[in-house]
């Protein structure tokens, strides 16, 4: 069994895998989210040895439809294709959920790719509403996790 290490990282460490997995074939600039530098944001990466094999970013951000006292947004979560299905994504998400809990979160939400919705449901996220399309990316669901 491989040893996965989760660490807090700088945004620059996130961009290569974010681009490779989430914005392949698009300019690297599509990976630069305005929220990346916002106060309170944190980025985490999963390592196997010295290699980053998974990433996610978490932002303190209210969601207009979901009412919460302190909600956080998960964005830009990705795992390297070579490790999918091996627990890397789950390890990242559980770490992020716990860190948001420590920050006082009562809700974590994301716009999840429809193809990843089953993964999130297994980790107690719920879907709200119908699928919607994000241009140049595809169908998504608004999903959330309540603490």
N, C-alpha and C. Protein backbone atom coordinates (compact mmCIF):
# COMPACT_ATOMS: atom_id res chain seq x y z
N UNK A 1 0.84 -1.19 0.00
CA UNK A 1 0.00 0.00 0.00
C UNK A 1 0.88 1.25 0.00
N UNK A 2 0.51 2.22 -0.81
CA UNK A 2 1.31 3.44 -0.92
C UNK A 2 1.05 4.37 0.25
N UNK A 3 2.08 5.11 0.63
CA UNK A 3 1.95 6.07 1.71
C UNK A 3 1.62 7.43 1.11
N UNK A 4 0.47 7.96 1.51
CA UNK A 4 0.01 9.27 1.04
C UNK A 4 0.26 10.27 2.17
N UNK A 5 0.92 11.38 1.85
CA UNK A 5 1.15 12.45 2.80
C UNK A 5 0.40 13.68 2.31
N UNK A 6 -0.38 14.29 3.19
CA UNK A 6 -1.13 15.51 2.84
C UNK A 6 -0.43 16.70 3.50
N UNK A 7 -0.17 17.73 2.70
CA UNK A 7 0.51 18.93 3.20
C UNK A 7 -0.18 20.18 2.69
N UNK A 8 -0.10 21.23 3.48
CA UNK A 8 -0.49 22.55 3.02
C UNK A 8 0.60 23.06 2.09
N UNK A 9 0.22 23.64 0.95
CA UNK A 9 1.19 24.07 -0.05
C UNK A 9 0.87 25.47 -0.55
N UNK A 10 1.84 26.09 -1.23
CA UNK A 10 1.63 27.37 -1.90
C UNK A 10 0.86 27.14 -3.19
N UNK A 11 0.19 28.17 -3.64
CA UNK A 11 -0.63 28.06 -4.85
C UNK A 11 0.20 27.63 -6.06
N UNK A 12 1.44 28.05 -6.14
CA UNK A 12 2.27 27.68 -7.29
C UNK A 12 2.43 26.16 -7.40
N UNK A 13 2.37 25.46 -6.26
CA UNK A 13 2.49 24.00 -6.28
C UNK A 13 1.24 23.32 -6.83
N UNK A 14 0.13 24.04 -6.84
CA UNK A 14 -1.16 23.51 -7.27
C UNK A 14 -1.31 23.56 -8.80
N UNK A 15 -0.81 24.61 -9.41
CA UNK A 15 -1.10 24.87 -10.82
C UNK A 15 -0.77 23.75 -11.80
N UNK A 16 0.39 23.08 -11.70
CA UNK A 16 0.67 22.05 -12.73
C UNK A 16 -0.38 20.94 -12.80
N UNK A 17 -0.76 20.38 -11.66
CA UNK A 17 -1.76 19.30 -11.69
C UNK A 17 -3.15 19.85 -11.99
N UNK A 18 -3.46 21.03 -11.49
CA UNK A 18 -4.76 21.65 -11.81
C UNK A 18 -4.89 21.80 -13.32
N UNK A 19 -3.83 22.24 -13.97
CA UNK A 19 -3.87 22.43 -15.41
C UNK A 19 -3.97 21.09 -16.13
N UNK A 20 -3.15 20.14 -15.74
CA UNK A 20 -3.11 18.83 -16.40
C UNK A 20 -4.46 18.13 -16.33
N UNK A 21 -5.11 18.14 -15.17
CA UNK A 21 -6.34 17.36 -14.97
C UNK A 21 -7.60 18.16 -15.30
N UNK A 22 -7.67 19.40 -14.85
CA UNK A 22 -8.92 20.15 -14.95
C UNK A 22 -9.01 21.08 -16.16
N UNK A 23 -7.89 21.46 -16.73
CA UNK A 23 -7.92 22.42 -17.84
C UNK A 23 -7.01 21.98 -18.99
N UNK A 24 -6.89 20.69 -19.19
CA UNK A 24 -6.04 20.15 -20.25
C UNK A 24 -6.45 20.74 -21.60
N UNK A 25 -5.46 21.17 -22.36
CA UNK A 25 -5.73 21.74 -23.68
C UNK A 25 -6.13 23.20 -23.65
N UNK A 26 -6.29 23.77 -22.48
CA UNK A 26 -6.62 25.19 -22.34
C UNK A 26 -5.38 25.93 -21.86
N UNK A 27 -5.35 27.25 -22.02
CA UNK A 27 -4.20 28.01 -21.54
C UNK A 27 -4.03 27.86 -20.02
N UNK A 28 -2.79 27.87 -19.54
CA UNK A 28 -2.51 27.74 -18.11
C UNK A 28 -3.23 28.80 -17.30
N UNK A 29 -3.47 29.96 -17.89
CA UNK A 29 -4.15 31.05 -17.18
C UNK A 29 -5.56 30.67 -16.73
N UNK A 30 -6.17 29.66 -17.37
CA UNK A 30 -7.50 29.23 -16.95
C UNK A 30 -7.45 28.55 -15.59
N UNK A 31 -6.25 28.25 -15.10
CA UNK A 31 -6.07 27.62 -13.79
C UNK A 31 -5.89 28.63 -12.67
N UNK A 32 -5.77 29.89 -13.03
CA UNK A 32 -5.57 30.94 -12.02
C UNK A 32 -6.94 31.47 -11.62
N UNK A 33 -7.43 31.05 -10.46
CA UNK A 33 -8.74 31.48 -9.99
C UNK A 33 -8.57 32.75 -9.17
N UNK A 34 -9.50 33.71 -9.32
CA UNK A 34 -9.38 34.96 -8.56
C UNK A 34 -9.32 34.73 -7.05
N UNK A 35 -9.96 33.67 -6.58
CA UNK A 35 -10.02 33.39 -5.14
C UNK A 35 -8.70 32.84 -4.57
N UNK A 36 -7.80 32.40 -5.43
CA UNK A 36 -6.58 31.73 -4.97
C UNK A 36 -5.76 32.52 -3.97
N UNK A 37 -5.78 33.82 -4.08
CA UNK A 37 -4.95 34.68 -3.22
C UNK A 37 -5.76 35.35 -2.10
N UNK A 38 -7.03 35.03 -2.01
CA UNK A 38 -7.90 35.64 -1.01
C UNK A 38 -7.44 35.27 0.41
N UNK A 39 -7.66 36.17 1.34
CA UNK A 39 -7.31 35.91 2.74
C UNK A 39 -8.07 34.69 3.25
N UNK A 40 -7.40 33.83 3.99
CA UNK A 40 -8.03 32.66 4.58
C UNK A 40 -8.01 31.42 3.73
N UNK A 41 -7.69 31.56 2.45
CA UNK A 41 -7.67 30.42 1.53
C UNK A 41 -6.53 29.48 1.91
N UNK A 42 -6.77 28.18 1.75
CA UNK A 42 -5.67 27.24 1.90
C UNK A 42 -5.71 26.22 0.78
N UNK A 43 -4.53 25.75 0.41
CA UNK A 43 -4.34 24.78 -0.66
C UNK A 43 -3.63 23.58 -0.06
N UNK A 44 -4.10 22.39 -0.41
CA UNK A 44 -3.44 21.18 0.08
C UNK A 44 -3.09 20.27 -1.09
N UNK A 45 -2.05 19.48 -0.86
CA UNK A 45 -1.61 18.54 -1.89
C UNK A 45 -1.34 17.20 -1.24
N UNK A 46 -1.59 16.15 -2.00
CA UNK A 46 -1.25 14.80 -1.59
C UNK A 46 0.04 14.42 -2.29
N UNK A 47 0.94 13.89 -1.50
CA UNK A 47 2.24 13.45 -2.03
C UNK A 47 2.36 11.94 -1.90
N UNK A 48 2.97 11.35 -2.88
CA UNK A 48 3.51 10.00 -2.77
C UNK A 48 5.00 10.18 -3.07
N UNK A 49 5.79 9.98 -2.05
CA UNK A 49 7.21 10.34 -2.16
C UNK A 49 7.31 11.84 -2.34
N UNK A 50 8.03 12.26 -3.37
CA UNK A 50 8.20 13.69 -3.66
C UNK A 50 7.21 14.20 -4.71
N UNK A 51 6.34 13.34 -5.19
CA UNK A 51 5.43 13.69 -6.28
C UNK A 51 4.06 14.13 -5.77
N UNK A 52 3.58 15.28 -6.26
CA UNK A 52 2.22 15.72 -5.97
C UNK A 52 1.28 14.92 -6.86
N UNK A 53 0.35 14.19 -6.24
CA UNK A 53 -0.57 13.34 -6.98
C UNK A 53 -2.04 13.74 -6.78
N UNK A 54 -2.27 14.76 -5.96
CA UNK A 54 -3.62 15.24 -5.74
C UNK A 54 -3.58 16.63 -5.15
N UNK A 55 -4.61 17.42 -5.44
CA UNK A 55 -4.65 18.82 -4.98
C UNK A 55 -6.09 19.24 -4.69
N UNK A 56 -6.22 20.28 -3.89
CA UNK A 56 -7.52 20.93 -3.67
C UNK A 56 -7.28 22.28 -3.04
N UNK A 57 -8.19 23.20 -3.29
CA UNK A 57 -8.17 24.53 -2.70
C UNK A 57 -9.48 24.76 -1.96
N UNK A 58 -9.40 25.48 -0.85
CA UNK A 58 -10.56 25.74 0.00
C UNK A 58 -10.65 27.23 0.30
N UNK A 59 -11.82 27.80 0.06
CA UNK A 59 -12.04 29.24 0.19
C UNK A 59 -13.17 29.53 1.17
N UNK A 60 -12.99 30.50 2.08
CA UNK A 60 -14.15 30.93 2.84
C UNK A 60 -15.07 31.70 1.89
N UNK A 61 -16.21 31.12 1.56
CA UNK A 61 -17.11 31.75 0.58
C UNK A 61 -18.54 31.27 0.80
N UNK A 62 -19.44 32.21 0.95
CA UNK A 62 -20.86 31.89 1.08
C UNK A 62 -21.39 31.41 -0.26
N UNK A 63 -22.39 30.56 -0.19
CA UNK A 63 -23.08 30.08 -1.37
C UNK A 63 -24.47 30.70 -1.33
N UNK A 64 -24.90 31.33 -2.43
CA UNK A 64 -26.15 32.11 -2.43
C UNK A 64 -27.40 31.30 -2.10
N UNK A 65 -27.47 30.06 -2.55
CA UNK A 65 -28.67 29.24 -2.35
C UNK A 65 -28.65 28.54 -1.00
N UNK A 66 -27.49 28.07 -0.61
CA UNK A 66 -27.35 27.34 0.66
C UNK A 66 -27.08 28.33 1.78
N UNK A 67 -27.93 28.33 2.77
CA UNK A 67 -27.78 29.26 3.88
C UNK A 67 -26.94 28.61 4.97
N UNK A 68 -25.87 29.28 5.36
CA UNK A 68 -25.00 28.77 6.40
C UNK A 68 -24.37 29.95 7.12
N UNK A 69 -23.97 29.72 8.35
CA UNK A 69 -23.29 30.77 9.12
C UNK A 69 -21.88 30.99 8.59
N UNK A 70 -21.17 29.90 8.34
CA UNK A 70 -19.80 30.00 7.84
C UNK A 70 -19.54 28.89 6.84
N UNK A 71 -19.70 29.22 5.57
CA UNK A 71 -19.49 28.21 4.55
C UNK A 71 -18.13 28.38 3.88
N UNK A 72 -17.63 27.26 3.40
CA UNK A 72 -16.37 27.20 2.67
C UNK A 72 -16.64 26.56 1.33
N UNK A 73 -15.83 26.92 0.35
CA UNK A 73 -15.95 26.36 -0.99
C UNK A 73 -14.72 25.53 -1.33
N UNK A 74 -14.96 24.35 -1.83
CA UNK A 74 -13.92 23.49 -2.38
C UNK A 74 -13.83 23.78 -3.88
N UNK A 75 -12.63 24.00 -4.36
CA UNK A 75 -12.47 24.28 -5.79
C UNK A 75 -11.15 23.69 -6.29
N UNK A 76 -11.14 23.28 -7.53
CA UNK A 76 -9.90 22.84 -8.16
C UNK A 76 -9.37 21.53 -7.61
N UNK A 77 -10.24 20.64 -7.18
CA UNK A 77 -9.77 19.35 -6.68
C UNK A 77 -9.45 18.44 -7.85
N UNK A 78 -8.29 17.78 -7.78
CA UNK A 78 -7.87 16.90 -8.86
C UNK A 78 -6.90 15.86 -8.34
N UNK A 79 -6.93 14.69 -8.95
CA UNK A 79 -5.93 13.65 -8.67
C UNK A 79 -5.31 13.21 -9.99
N UNK A 80 -4.05 12.86 -9.92
CA UNK A 80 -3.36 12.36 -11.10
C UNK A 80 -4.03 11.08 -11.57
N UNK A 81 -4.15 10.93 -12.86
CA UNK A 81 -4.82 9.75 -13.42
C UNK A 81 -4.18 8.45 -12.92
N UNK A 82 -2.88 8.46 -12.71
CA UNK A 82 -2.15 7.25 -12.31
C UNK A 82 -2.52 6.73 -10.93
N UNK A 83 -3.18 7.56 -10.10
CA UNK A 83 -3.53 7.13 -8.74
C UNK A 83 -5.03 7.13 -8.47
N UNK A 84 -5.84 7.36 -9.48
CA UNK A 84 -7.30 7.40 -9.26
C UNK A 84 -7.79 6.06 -8.74
N UNK A 85 -8.73 6.16 -7.81
CA UNK A 85 -9.31 4.96 -7.23
C UNK A 85 -8.47 4.33 -6.14
N UNK A 86 -7.41 5.02 -5.71
CA UNK A 86 -6.50 4.46 -4.71
C UNK A 86 -6.53 5.22 -3.38
N UNK A 87 -7.53 6.07 -3.18
CA UNK A 87 -7.70 6.74 -1.90
C UNK A 87 -7.09 8.11 -1.79
N UNK A 88 -6.45 8.60 -2.83
CA UNK A 88 -5.80 9.91 -2.78
C UNK A 88 -6.85 11.02 -2.65
N UNK A 89 -7.86 11.00 -3.50
CA UNK A 89 -8.90 12.02 -3.44
C UNK A 89 -9.62 12.02 -2.11
N UNK A 90 -9.93 10.84 -1.61
CA UNK A 90 -10.60 10.73 -0.32
C UNK A 90 -9.73 11.32 0.78
N UNK A 91 -8.43 11.03 0.78
CA UNK A 91 -7.52 11.55 1.81
C UNK A 91 -7.47 13.08 1.77
N UNK A 92 -7.41 13.65 0.57
CA UNK A 92 -7.38 15.11 0.42
C UNK A 92 -8.67 15.71 0.96
N UNK A 93 -9.80 15.16 0.52
CA UNK A 93 -11.08 15.73 0.90
C UNK A 93 -11.32 15.62 2.41
N UNK A 94 -11.00 14.50 3.00
CA UNK A 94 -11.19 14.35 4.45
C UNK A 94 -10.32 15.34 5.22
N UNK A 95 -9.09 15.55 4.76
CA UNK A 95 -8.21 16.54 5.40
C UNK A 95 -8.80 17.94 5.28
N UNK A 96 -9.28 18.27 4.09
CA UNK A 96 -9.89 19.59 3.88
C UNK A 96 -11.15 19.80 4.69
N UNK A 97 -12.00 18.77 4.79
CA UNK A 97 -13.21 18.84 5.61
C UNK A 97 -12.84 19.12 7.06
N UNK A 98 -11.85 18.42 7.56
CA UNK A 98 -11.44 18.60 8.95
C UNK A 98 -10.85 19.98 9.19
N UNK A 99 -10.04 20.46 8.27
CA UNK A 99 -9.44 21.78 8.44
C UNK A 99 -10.53 22.86 8.41
N UNK A 100 -11.49 22.74 7.52
CA UNK A 100 -12.60 23.69 7.47
C UNK A 100 -13.40 23.63 8.77
N UNK A 101 -13.60 22.44 9.31
CA UNK A 101 -14.29 22.28 10.60
C UNK A 101 -13.54 23.07 11.68
N UNK A 102 -12.23 22.93 11.71
CA UNK A 102 -11.41 23.64 12.69
C UNK A 102 -11.53 25.16 12.53
N UNK A 103 -11.81 25.61 11.32
CA UNK A 103 -11.98 27.04 11.04
C UNK A 103 -13.41 27.51 11.34
N UNK A 104 -14.27 26.60 11.82
CA UNK A 104 -15.63 26.97 12.18
C UNK A 104 -16.67 26.76 11.12
N UNK A 105 -16.35 26.05 10.06
CA UNK A 105 -17.30 25.83 8.97
C UNK A 105 -18.51 25.03 9.43
N UNK A 106 -19.67 25.41 8.93
CA UNK A 106 -20.86 24.59 9.10
C UNK A 106 -21.36 24.04 7.77
N UNK A 107 -20.66 24.41 6.68
CA UNK A 107 -21.02 23.93 5.35
C UNK A 107 -19.80 24.01 4.45
N UNK A 108 -19.60 22.98 3.63
CA UNK A 108 -18.58 22.98 2.58
C UNK A 108 -19.31 22.69 1.29
N UNK A 109 -19.08 23.50 0.26
CA UNK A 109 -19.79 23.30 -1.00
C UNK A 109 -18.82 23.35 -2.17
N UNK A 110 -19.30 22.85 -3.31
CA UNK A 110 -18.51 22.89 -4.53
C UNK A 110 -19.42 22.75 -5.74
N UNK A 111 -18.90 23.15 -6.87
CA UNK A 111 -19.52 22.85 -8.16
C UNK A 111 -18.76 21.64 -8.68
N UNK A 112 -19.33 20.47 -8.50
CA UNK A 112 -18.65 19.21 -8.83
C UNK A 112 -18.97 18.78 -10.25
N UNK A 113 -17.96 18.31 -10.93
CA UNK A 113 -18.21 17.72 -12.25
C UNK A 113 -19.18 16.57 -12.08
N UNK A 114 -20.12 16.46 -13.00
CA UNK A 114 -21.11 15.38 -12.92
C UNK A 114 -20.42 14.02 -12.85
N UNK A 115 -19.31 13.88 -13.56
CA UNK A 115 -18.59 12.61 -13.57
C UNK A 115 -17.97 12.27 -12.21
N UNK A 116 -17.82 13.25 -11.32
CA UNK A 116 -17.25 13.02 -9.99
C UNK A 116 -18.30 13.01 -8.89
N UNK A 117 -19.56 13.17 -9.24
CA UNK A 117 -20.61 13.30 -8.21
C UNK A 117 -20.71 12.06 -7.33
N UNK A 118 -20.50 10.88 -7.89
CA UNK A 118 -20.55 9.65 -7.10
C UNK A 118 -19.47 9.62 -6.03
N UNK A 119 -18.29 10.10 -6.36
CA UNK A 119 -17.19 10.20 -5.40
C UNK A 119 -17.61 11.07 -4.21
N UNK A 120 -18.17 12.23 -4.49
CA UNK A 120 -18.57 13.14 -3.42
C UNK A 120 -19.72 12.56 -2.60
N UNK A 121 -20.66 11.91 -3.25
CA UNK A 121 -21.78 11.30 -2.52
C UNK A 121 -21.29 10.25 -1.53
N UNK A 122 -20.28 9.49 -1.89
CA UNK A 122 -19.72 8.48 -0.98
C UNK A 122 -19.13 9.11 0.28
N UNK A 123 -18.77 10.40 0.19
CA UNK A 123 -18.19 11.11 1.33
C UNK A 123 -19.21 12.07 1.95
N UNK A 124 -20.49 11.74 1.79
CA UNK A 124 -21.60 12.44 2.45
C UNK A 124 -21.90 13.83 1.93
N UNK A 125 -21.55 14.09 0.68
CA UNK A 125 -22.00 15.32 0.03
C UNK A 125 -23.37 15.04 -0.58
N UNK A 126 -24.20 16.05 -0.65
CA UNK A 126 -25.52 15.95 -1.26
C UNK A 126 -25.56 16.84 -2.50
N UNK A 127 -26.41 16.48 -3.44
CA UNK A 127 -26.62 17.27 -4.66
C UNK A 127 -27.81 18.19 -4.45
N UNK A 128 -27.68 19.43 -4.86
CA UNK A 128 -28.80 20.36 -4.83
C UNK A 128 -29.11 20.79 -6.25
N UNK A 129 -30.32 20.51 -6.69
CA UNK A 129 -30.77 20.96 -8.01
C UNK A 129 -30.33 20.08 -9.15
N UNK A 130 -30.53 20.61 -10.34
CA UNK A 130 -30.23 19.90 -11.58
C UNK A 130 -28.80 20.19 -12.03
N UNK A 131 -28.32 19.35 -12.93
CA UNK A 131 -27.00 19.58 -13.53
C UNK A 131 -27.01 20.87 -14.32
N UNK A 132 -25.87 21.54 -14.37
CA UNK A 132 -25.70 22.74 -15.17
C UNK A 132 -24.37 22.65 -15.90
N UNK A 133 -24.23 23.42 -16.95
CA UNK A 133 -23.04 23.37 -17.79
C UNK A 133 -22.13 24.55 -17.47
N UNK A 134 -20.85 24.26 -17.28
CA UNK A 134 -19.83 25.30 -17.20
C UNK A 134 -19.10 25.27 -18.54
N UNK A 135 -19.08 26.41 -19.23
CA UNK A 135 -18.49 26.49 -20.56
C UNK A 135 -17.07 25.93 -20.58
N UNK A 136 -16.77 25.21 -21.63
CA UNK A 136 -15.45 24.61 -21.88
C UNK A 136 -15.06 23.53 -20.88
N UNK A 137 -15.98 23.15 -19.98
CA UNK A 137 -15.65 22.12 -18.99
C UNK A 137 -16.70 21.00 -19.01
N UNK A 138 -17.99 21.37 -18.93
CA UNK A 138 -19.02 20.35 -19.00
C UNK A 138 -20.02 20.41 -17.87
N UNK A 139 -20.81 19.32 -17.70
CA UNK A 139 -21.89 19.31 -16.70
C UNK A 139 -21.36 19.22 -15.26
N UNK A 140 -22.02 19.97 -14.39
CA UNK A 140 -21.67 20.05 -12.97
C UNK A 140 -22.94 19.99 -12.12
N UNK A 141 -22.74 19.68 -10.84
CA UNK A 141 -23.80 19.77 -9.83
C UNK A 141 -23.31 20.66 -8.70
N UNK A 142 -24.23 21.40 -8.11
CA UNK A 142 -23.95 22.07 -6.85
C UNK A 142 -24.05 20.99 -5.78
N UNK A 143 -22.96 20.77 -5.05
CA UNK A 143 -22.93 19.74 -4.02
C UNK A 143 -22.47 20.37 -2.72
N UNK A 144 -22.90 19.78 -1.61
CA UNK A 144 -22.55 20.36 -0.31
C UNK A 144 -22.43 19.27 0.76
N UNK A 145 -21.67 19.63 1.77
CA UNK A 145 -21.44 18.77 2.94
C UNK A 145 -21.79 19.60 4.16
N UNK A 146 -22.71 19.10 4.99
CA UNK A 146 -23.09 19.81 6.20
C UNK A 146 -22.38 19.22 7.41
N UNK A 147 -21.86 20.08 8.25
CA UNK A 147 -21.18 19.64 9.47
C UNK A 147 -22.17 19.37 10.58
